[in-house]
Amino acid sequence: MSEPKPAAGTGRQTERRVHHKVRAVFVEACALIAPSLAHGAAGLASAAELLRKRYPELSALEIHVLVSAAARLHGQGS
């Protein structure tokens, strides 16, 4: 994978993150689904359902990103 190129004239890397809504709710969402994640793989579906109900504005992909990241954070994912 190649490194992002600096923005022209700034010397800084360009922003590669695209799931801004996920970033905005990540901390709250992790707290919401932590009990589900404690049940391992069996809790992933219930975690996704909780997030769909709490954040109906998020797409299926954004829900997946949230559950995957939270599972990694809680040591349930790879």
PDB file of N, CA and C in Angstrom:
ATOM      1  N   MET A   1       0.847  -1.165   0.000  1.00  0.00           N
ATOM      2  CA  MET A   1       0.000   0.000   0.000  1.00  0.00           C
ATOM      3  C   MET A   1       0.891   1.226   0.000  1.00  0.00           C
ATOM      4  N   SER A   2       0.545   2.197  -0.826  1.00  0.00           N
ATOM      5  CA  SER A   2       1.380   3.387  -0.913  1.00  0.00           C
ATOM      6  C   SER A   2       0.966   4.420   0.129  1.00  0.00           C
ATOM      7  N   GLU A   3       1.897   5.247   0.482  1.00  0.00           N
ATOM      8  CA  GLU A   3       1.640   6.315   1.453  1.00  0.00           C
ATOM      9  C   GLU A   3       0.876   7.439   0.766  1.00  0.00           C
ATOM     10  N   PRO A   4       0.003   8.124   1.490  1.00  0.00           N
ATOM     11  CA  PRO A   4      -0.699   9.261   0.894  1.00  0.00           C
ATOM     12  C   PRO A   4       0.276  10.375   0.571  1.00  0.00           C
ATOM     13  N   LYS A   5       0.023  11.071  -0.507  1.00  0.00           N
ATOM     14  CA  LYS A   5       0.898  12.160  -0.926  1.00  0.00           C
ATOM     15  C   LYS A   5       0.519  13.438  -0.170  1.00  0.00           C
ATOM     16  N   PRO A   6       1.523  14.275   0.146  1.00  0.00           N
ATOM     17  CA  PRO A   6       1.207  15.530   0.826  1.00  0.00           C
ATOM     18  C   PRO A   6       0.317  16.403  -0.051  1.00  0.00           C
ATOM     19  N   ALA A   7      -0.554  17.171   0.574  1.00  0.00           N
ATOM     20  CA  ALA A   7      -1.369  18.131  -0.162  1.00  0.00           C
ATOM     21  C   ALA A   7      -0.447  19.160  -0.787  1.00  0.00           C
ATOM     22  N   ALA A   8      -0.744  19.579  -1.983  1.00  0.00           N
ATOM     23  CA  ALA A   8       0.114  20.492  -2.732  1.00  0.00           C
ATOM     24  C   ALA A   8       0.444  21.736  -1.913  1.00  0.00           C
ATOM     25  N   GLY A   9       1.728  21.969  -1.725  1.00  0.00           N
ATOM     26  CA  GLY A   9       2.203  23.172  -1.072  1.00  0.00           C
ATOM     27  C   GLY A   9       2.084  23.202   0.442  1.00  0.00           C
ATOM     28  N   THR A  10       1.556  22.144   1.073  1.00  0.00           N
ATOM     29  CA  THR A  10       1.371  22.199   2.518  1.00  0.00           C
ATOM     30  C   THR A  10       2.376  21.347   3.273  1.00  0.00           C
ATOM     31  N   GLY A  11       2.900  20.330   2.629  1.00  0.00           N
ATOM     32  CA  GLY A  11       3.800  19.427   3.327  1.00  0.00           C
ATOM     33  C   GLY A  11       3.069  18.454   4.231  1.00  0.00           C
ATOM     34  N   ARG A  12       1.731  18.518   4.253  1.00  0.00           N
ATOM     35  CA  ARG A  12       0.932  17.611   5.082  1.00  0.00           C
ATOM     36  C   ARG A  12       0.283  16.544   4.221  1.00  0.00           C
ATOM     37  N   GLN A  13      -0.010  15.410   4.839  1.00  0.00           N
ATOM     38  CA  GLN A  13      -0.694  14.336   4.131  1.00  0.00           C
ATOM     39  C   GLN A  13      -2.161  14.683   3.964  1.00  0.00           C
ATOM     40  N   THR A  14      -2.729  14.216   2.862  1.00  0.00           N
ATOM     41  CA  THR A  14      -4.154  14.434   2.651  1.00  0.00           C
ATOM     42  C   THR A  14      -4.953  13.480   3.526  1.00  0.00           C
ATOM     43  N   GLU A  15      -6.155  13.888   3.883  1.00  0.00           N
ATOM     44  CA  GLU A  15      -7.040  13.078   4.731  1.00  0.00           C
ATOM     45  C   GLU A  15      -7.539  11.881   3.931  1.00  0.00           C
ATOM     46  N   ARG A  16      -7.337  10.667   4.455  1.00  0.00           N
ATOM     47  CA  ARG A  16      -7.789   9.461   3.770  1.00  0.00           C
ATOM     48  C   ARG A  16      -9.058   8.894   4.377  1.00  0.00           C
ATOM     49  N   ARG A  17      -9.413   9.318   5.561  1.00  0.00           N
ATOM     50  CA  ARG A  17     -10.599   8.777   6.222  1.00  0.00           C
ATOM     51  C   ARG A  17     -11.848   9.276   5.513  1.00  0.00           C
ATOM     52  N   VAL A  18     -12.794   8.364   5.322  1.00  0.00           N
ATOM     53  CA  VAL A  18     -13.998   8.739   4.591  1.00  0.00           C
ATOM     54  C   VAL A  18     -15.273   8.565   5.403  1.00  0.00           C
ATOM     55  N   HIS A  19     -15.216   7.914   6.530  1.00  0.00           N
ATOM     56  CA  HIS A  19     -16.409   7.633   7.334  1.00  0.00           C
ATOM     57  C   HIS A  19     -16.524   8.645   8.473  1.00  0.00           C
ATOM     58  N   HIS A  20     -16.810   9.888   8.109  1.00  0.00           N
ATOM     59  CA  HIS A  20     -16.839  10.965   9.097  1.00  0.00           C
ATOM     60  C   HIS A  20     -17.982  10.815  10.101  1.00  0.00           C
ATOM     61  N   LYS A  21     -19.130  10.297   9.650  1.00  0.00           N
ATOM     62  CA  LYS A  21     -20.244  10.079  10.579  1.00  0.00           C
ATOM     63  C   LYS A  21     -19.859   9.029  11.624  1.00  0.00           C
ATOM     64  N   VAL A  22     -19.113   8.018  11.201  1.00  0.00           N
ATOM     65  CA  VAL A  22     -18.662   6.966  12.121  1.00  0.00           C
ATOM     66  C   VAL A  22     -17.741   7.567  13.177  1.00  0.00           C
ATOM     67  N   ARG A  23     -16.844   8.407  12.754  1.00  0.00           N
ATOM     68  CA  ARG A  23     -15.910   9.038  13.699  1.00  0.00           C
ATOM     69  C   ARG A  23     -16.659   9.882  14.720  1.00  0.00           C
ATOM     70  N   ALA A  24     -17.737  10.526  14.276  1.00  0.00           N
ATOM     71  CA  ALA A  24     -18.492  11.414  15.160  1.00  0.00           C
ATOM     72  C   ALA A  24     -19.204  10.663  16.277  1.00  0.00           C
ATOM     73  N   VAL A  25     -19.608   9.418  16.037  1.00  0.00           N
ATOM     74  CA  VAL A  25     -20.382   8.672  17.030  1.00  0.00           C
ATOM     75  C   VAL A  25     -19.604   7.514  17.647  1.00  0.00           C
ATOM     76  N   PHE A  26     -18.339   7.355  17.297  1.00  0.00           N
ATOM     77  CA  PHE A  26     -17.585   6.160  17.664  1.00  0.00           C
ATOM     78  C   PHE A  26     -17.549   5.891  19.171  1.00  0.00           C
ATOM     79  N   VAL A  27     -17.212   6.871  19.967  1.00  0.00           N
ATOM     80  CA  VAL A  27     -17.073   6.659  21.410  1.00  0.00           C
ATOM     81  C   VAL A  27     -18.408   6.249  22.028  1.00  0.00           C
ATOM     82  N   GLU A  28     -19.459   6.977  21.682  1.00  0.00           N
ATOM     83  CA  GLU A  28     -20.788   6.653  22.204  1.00  0.00           C
ATOM     84  C   GLU A  28     -21.244   5.271  21.719  1.00  0.00           C
ATOM     85  N   ALA A  29     -21.004   4.978  20.461  1.00  0.00           N
ATOM     86  CA  ALA A  29     -21.412   3.686  19.892  1.00  0.00           C
ATOM     87  C   ALA A  29     -20.669   2.531  20.552  1.00  0.00           C
ATOM     88  N   CYS A  30     -19.388   2.708  20.807  1.00  0.00           N
ATOM     89  CA  CYS A  30     -18.610   1.647  21.473  1.00  0.00           C
ATOM     90  C   CYS A  30     -19.170   1.349  22.857  1.00  0.00           C
ATOM     91  N   ALA A  31     -19.528   2.390  23.577  1.00  0.00           N
ATOM     92  CA  ALA A  31     -20.107   2.184  24.911  1.00  0.00           C
ATOM     93  C   ALA A  31     -21.449   1.467  24.809  1.00  0.00           C
ATOM     94  N   LEU A  32     -22.226   1.797  23.792  1.00  0.00           N
ATOM     95  CA  LEU A  32     -23.539   1.191  23.599  1.00  0.00           C
ATOM     96  C   LEU A  32     -23.439  -0.303  23.303  1.00  0.00           C
ATOM     97  N   ILE A  33     -22.476  -0.688  22.471  1.00  0.00           N
ATOM     98  CA  ILE A  33     -22.413  -2.089  22.039  1.00  0.00           C
ATOM     99  C   ILE A  33     -21.414  -2.940  22.817  1.00  0.00           C
ATOM    100  N   ALA A  34     -20.705  -2.355  23.763  1.00  0.00           N
ATOM    101  CA  ALA A  34     -19.720  -3.117  24.545  1.00  0.00           C
ATOM    102  C   ALA A  34     -20.312  -4.369  25.184  1.00  0.00           C
ATOM    103  N   PRO A  35     -21.507  -4.325  25.781  1.00  0.00           N
ATOM    104  CA  PRO A  35     -22.061  -5.551  26.367  1.00  0.00           C
ATOM    105  C   PRO A  35     -22.305  -6.641  25.319  1.00  0.00           C
ATOM    106  N   SER A  36     -22.721  -6.257  24.122  1.00  0.00           N
ATOM    107  CA  SER A  36     -22.927  -7.243  23.055  1.00  0.00           C
ATOM    108  C   SER A  36     -21.607  -7.864  22.630  1.00  0.00           C
ATOM    109  N   LEU A  37     -20.565  -7.054  22.566  1.00  0.00           N
ATOM    110  CA  LEU A  37     -19.263  -7.557  22.133  1.00  0.00           C
ATOM    111  C   LEU A  37     -18.660  -8.508  23.155  1.00  0.00           C
ATOM    112  N   ALA A  38     -19.087  -8.420  24.393  1.00  0.00           N
ATOM    113  CA  ALA A  38     -18.592  -9.325  25.430  1.00  0.00           C
ATOM    114  C   ALA A  38     -19.020 -10.767  25.153  1.00  0.00           C
ATOM    115  N   HIS A  39     -20.025 -10.938  24.293  1.00  0.00           N
ATOM    116  CA  HIS A  39     -20.498 -12.281  23.942  1.00  0.00           C
ATOM    117  C   HIS A  39     -19.774 -12.849  22.731  1.00  0.00           C
ATOM    118  N   GLY A  40     -18.700 -12.216  22.315  1.00  0.00           N
ATOM    119  CA  GLY A  40     -17.908 -12.712  21.199  1.00  0.00           C
ATOM    120  C   GLY A  40     -18.635 -12.585  19.872  1.00  0.00           C
ATOM    121  N   ALA A  41     -18.353 -13.525  18.971  1.00  0.00           N
ATOM    122  CA  ALA A  41     -18.918 -13.477  17.625  1.00  0.00           C
ATOM    123  C   ALA A  41     -20.439 -13.506  17.635  1.00  0.00           C
ATOM    124  N   ALA A  42     -21.023 -14.170  18.604  1.00  0.00           N
ATOM    125  CA  ALA A  42     -22.484 -14.251  18.688  1.00  0.00           C
ATOM    126  C   ALA A  42     -23.106 -12.880  18.945  1.00  0.00           C
ATOM    127  N   GLY A  43     -22.371 -11.973  19.543  1.00  0.00           N
ATOM    128  CA  GLY A  43     -22.898 -10.659  19.857  1.00  0.00           C
ATOM    129  C   GLY A  43     -22.765  -9.638  18.746  1.00  0.00           C
ATOM    130  N   LEU A  44     -22.062  -9.984  17.674  1.00  0.00           N
ATOM    131  CA  LEU A  44     -21.840  -9.017  16.600  1.00  0.00           C
ATOM    132  C   LEU A  44     -23.141  -8.614  15.909  1.00  0.00           C
ATOM    133  N   ALA A  45     -24.025  -9.583  15.673  1.00  0.00           N
ATOM    134  CA  ALA A  45     -25.294  -9.269  15.009  1.00  0.00           C
ATOM    135  C   ALA A  45     -26.161  -8.375  15.894  1.00  0.00           C
ATOM    136  N   SER A  46     -26.184  -8.665  17.190  1.00  0.00           N
ATOM    137  CA  SER A  46     -26.987  -7.817  18.073  1.00  0.00           C
ATOM    138  C   SER A  46     -26.375  -6.427  18.196  1.00  0.00           C
ATOM    139  N   ALA A  47     -25.046  -6.330  18.135  1.00  0.00           N
ATOM    140  CA  ALA A  47     -24.387  -5.026  18.158  1.00  0.00           C
ATOM    141  C   ALA A  47     -24.792  -4.211  16.931  1.00  0.00           C
ATOM    142  N   ALA A  48     -24.798  -4.854  15.779  1.00  0.00           N
ATOM    143  CA  ALA A  48     -25.186  -4.168  14.543  1.00  0.00           C
ATOM    144  C   ALA A  48     -26.638  -3.707  14.620  1.00  0.00           C
ATOM    145  N   GLU A  49     -27.506  -4.541  15.158  1.00  0.00           N
ATOM    146  CA  GLU A  49     -28.924  -4.181  15.282  1.00  0.00           C
ATOM    147  C   GLU A  49     -29.104  -2.998  16.239  1.00  0.00           C
ATOM    148  N   LEU A  50     -28.383  -3.000  17.350  1.00  0.00           N
ATOM    149  CA  LEU A  50     -28.441  -1.863  18.277  1.00  0.00           C
ATOM    150  C   LEU A  50     -28.032  -0.569  17.582  1.00  0.00           C
ATOM    151  N   LEU A  51     -26.973  -0.647  16.792  1.00  0.00           N
ATOM    152  CA  LEU A  51     -26.494   0.550  16.100  1.00  0.00           C
ATOM    153  C   LEU A  51     -27.472   1.005  15.030  1.00  0.00           C
ATOM    154  N   ARG A  52     -28.096   0.074  14.326  1.00  0.00           N
ATOM    155  CA  ARG A  52     -29.093   0.445  13.309  1.00  0.00           C
ATOM    156  C   ARG A  52     -30.256   1.192  13.945  1.00  0.00           C
ATOM    157  N   LYS A  53     -30.675   0.738  15.127  1.00  0.00           N
ATOM    158  CA  LYS A  53     -31.790   1.400  15.821  1.00  0.00           C
ATOM    159  C   LYS A  53     -31.377   2.770  16.372  1.00  0.00           C
ATOM    160  N   ARG A  54     -30.185   2.862  16.924  1.00  0.00           N
ATOM    161  CA  ARG A  54     -29.724   4.111  17.558  1.00  0.00           C
ATOM    162  C   ARG A  54     -29.307   5.163  16.534  1.00  0.00           C
ATOM    163  N   TYR A  55     -28.737   4.711  15.413  1.00  0.00           N
ATOM    164  CA  TYR A  55     -28.215   5.622  14.384  1.00  0.00           C
ATOM    165  C   TYR A  55     -28.812   5.270  13.024  1.00  0.00           C
ATOM    166  N   PRO A  56     -30.095   5.519  12.815  1.00  0.00           N
ATOM    167  CA  PRO A  56     -30.719   5.143  11.540  1.00  0.00           C
ATOM    168  C   PRO A  56     -30.149   5.893  10.333  1.00  0.00           C
ATOM    169  N   GLU A  57     -29.463   6.991  10.580  1.00  0.00           N
ATOM    170  CA  GLU A  57     -28.872   7.753   9.481  1.00  0.00           C
ATOM    171  C   GLU A  57     -27.616   7.109   8.905  1.00  0.00           C
ATOM    172  N   LEU A  58     -27.049   6.126   9.610  1.00  0.00           N
ATOM    173  CA  LEU A  58     -25.837   5.462   9.125  1.00  0.00           C
ATOM    174  C   LEU A  58     -26.193   4.386   8.104  1.00  0.00           C
ATOM    175  N   SER A  59     -25.339   4.258   7.102  1.00  0.00           N
ATOM    176  CA  SER A  59     -25.537   3.227   6.082  1.00  0.00           C
ATOM    177  C   SER A  59     -25.111   1.868   6.634  1.00  0.00           C
ATOM    178  N   ALA A  60     -25.447   0.820   5.905  1.00  0.00           N
ATOM    179  CA  ALA A  60     -25.043  -0.532   6.304  1.00  0.00           C
ATOM    180  C   ALA A  60     -23.518  -0.641   6.368  1.00  0.00           C
ATOM    181  N   LEU A  61     -22.837   0.000   5.432  1.00  0.00           N
ATOM    182  CA  LEU A  61     -21.371  -0.018   5.438  1.00  0.00           C
ATOM    183  C   LEU A  61     -20.822   0.682   6.679  1.00  0.00           C
ATOM    184  N   GLU A  62     -21.401   1.811   7.044  1.00  0.00           N
ATOM    185  CA  GLU A  62     -20.938   2.540   8.224  1.00  0.00           C
ATOM    186  C   GLU A  62     -21.193   1.740   9.501  1.00  0.00           C
ATOM    187  N   ILE A  63     -22.323   1.036   9.567  1.00  0.00           N
ATOM    188  CA  ILE A  63     -22.594   0.157  10.713  1.00  0.00           C
ATOM    189  C   ILE A  63     -21.536  -0.936  10.778  1.00  0.00           C
ATOM    190  N   HIS A  64     -21.223  -1.518   9.641  1.00  0.00           N
ATOM    191  CA  HIS A  64     -20.199  -2.578   9.590  1.00  0.00           C
ATOM    192  C   HIS A  64     -18.843  -2.042  10.057  1.00  0.00           C
ATOM    193  N   VAL A  65     -18.490  -0.856   9.594  1.00  0.00           N
ATOM    194  CA  VAL A  65     -17.219  -0.240   9.999  1.00  0.00           C
ATOM    195  C   VAL A  65     -17.190  -0.037  11.514  1.00  0.00           C
ATOM    196  N   LEU A  66     -18.283   0.460  12.065  1.00  0.00           N
ATOM    197  CA  LEU A  66     -18.361   0.686  13.513  1.00  0.00           C
ATOM    198  C   LEU A  66     -18.226  -0.614  14.294  1.00  0.00           C
ATOM    199  N   VAL A  67     -18.990  -1.630  13.903  1.00  0.00           N
ATOM    200  CA  VAL A  67     -18.936  -2.912  14.619  1.00  0.00           C
ATOM    201  C   VAL A  67     -17.549  -3.527  14.502  1.00  0.00           C
ATOM    202  N   SER A  68     -16.971  -3.490  13.310  1.00  0.00           N
ATOM    203  CA  SER A  68     -15.635  -4.068  13.115  1.00  0.00           C
ATOM    204  C   SER A  68     -14.579  -3.362  13.957  1.00  0.00           C
ATOM    205  N   ALA A  69     -14.612  -2.038  13.947  1.00  0.00           N
ATOM    206  CA  ALA A  69     -13.629  -1.269  14.713  1.00  0.00           C
ATOM    207  C   ALA A  69     -13.818  -1.487  16.216  1.00  0.00           C
ATOM    208  N   ALA A  70     -15.057  -1.486  16.675  1.00  0.00           N
ATOM    209  CA  ALA A  70     -15.326  -1.704  18.096  1.00  0.00           C
ATOM    210  C   ALA A  70     -14.909  -3.114  18.517  1.00  0.00           C
ATOM    211  N   ALA A  71     -15.144  -4.096  17.658  1.00  0.00           N
ATOM    212  CA  ALA A  71     -14.740  -5.461  17.968  1.00  0.00           C
ATOM    213  C   ALA A  71     -13.219  -5.568  18.084  1.00  0.00           C
ATOM    214  N   ARG A  72     -12.500  -4.899  17.178  1.00  0.00           N
ATOM    215  CA  ARG A  72     -11.038  -4.891  17.279  1.00  0.00           C
ATOM    216  C   ARG A  72     -10.599  -4.210  18.565  1.00  0.00           C
ATOM    217  N   LEU A  73     -11.251  -3.105  18.899  1.00  0.00           N
ATOM    218  CA  LEU A  73     -10.910  -2.373  20.118  1.00  0.00           C
ATOM    219  C   LEU A  73     -11.108  -3.238  21.353  1.00  0.00           C
ATOM    220  N   HIS A  74     -12.168  -4.027  21.354  1.00  0.00           N
ATOM    221  CA  HIS A  74     -12.492  -4.895  22.493  1.00  0.00           C
ATOM    222  C   HIS A  74     -11.861  -6.285  22.384  1.00  0.00           C
ATOM    223  N   GLY A  75     -10.968  -6.480  21.409  1.00  0.00           N
ATOM    224  CA  GLY A  75     -10.241  -7.728  21.276  1.00  0.00           C
ATOM    225  C   GLY A  75     -11.038  -8.880  20.711  1.00  0.00           C
ATOM    226  N   GLN A  76     -12.155  -8.602  20.007  1.00  0.00           N
ATOM    227  CA  GLN A  76     -12.985  -9.658  19.447  1.00  0.00           C
ATOM    228  C   GLN A  76     -12.724  -9.892  17.979  1.00  0.00           C
ATOM    229  N   GLY A  77     -12.035  -8.986  17.308  1.00  0.00           N
ATOM    230  CA  GLY A  77     -11.833  -9.123  15.869  1.00  0.00           C
ATOM    231  C   GLY A  77     -10.375  -9.241  15.526  1.00  0.00           C
ATOM    232  N   SER A  78     -10.134  -9.460  14.252  1.00  0.00           N
ATOM    233  CA  SER A  78      -8.739  -9.587  13.830  1.00  0.00           C
ATOM    234  C   SER A  78      -8.254  -8.313  13.180  1.00  0.00           C
TER     235      SER A  78
END
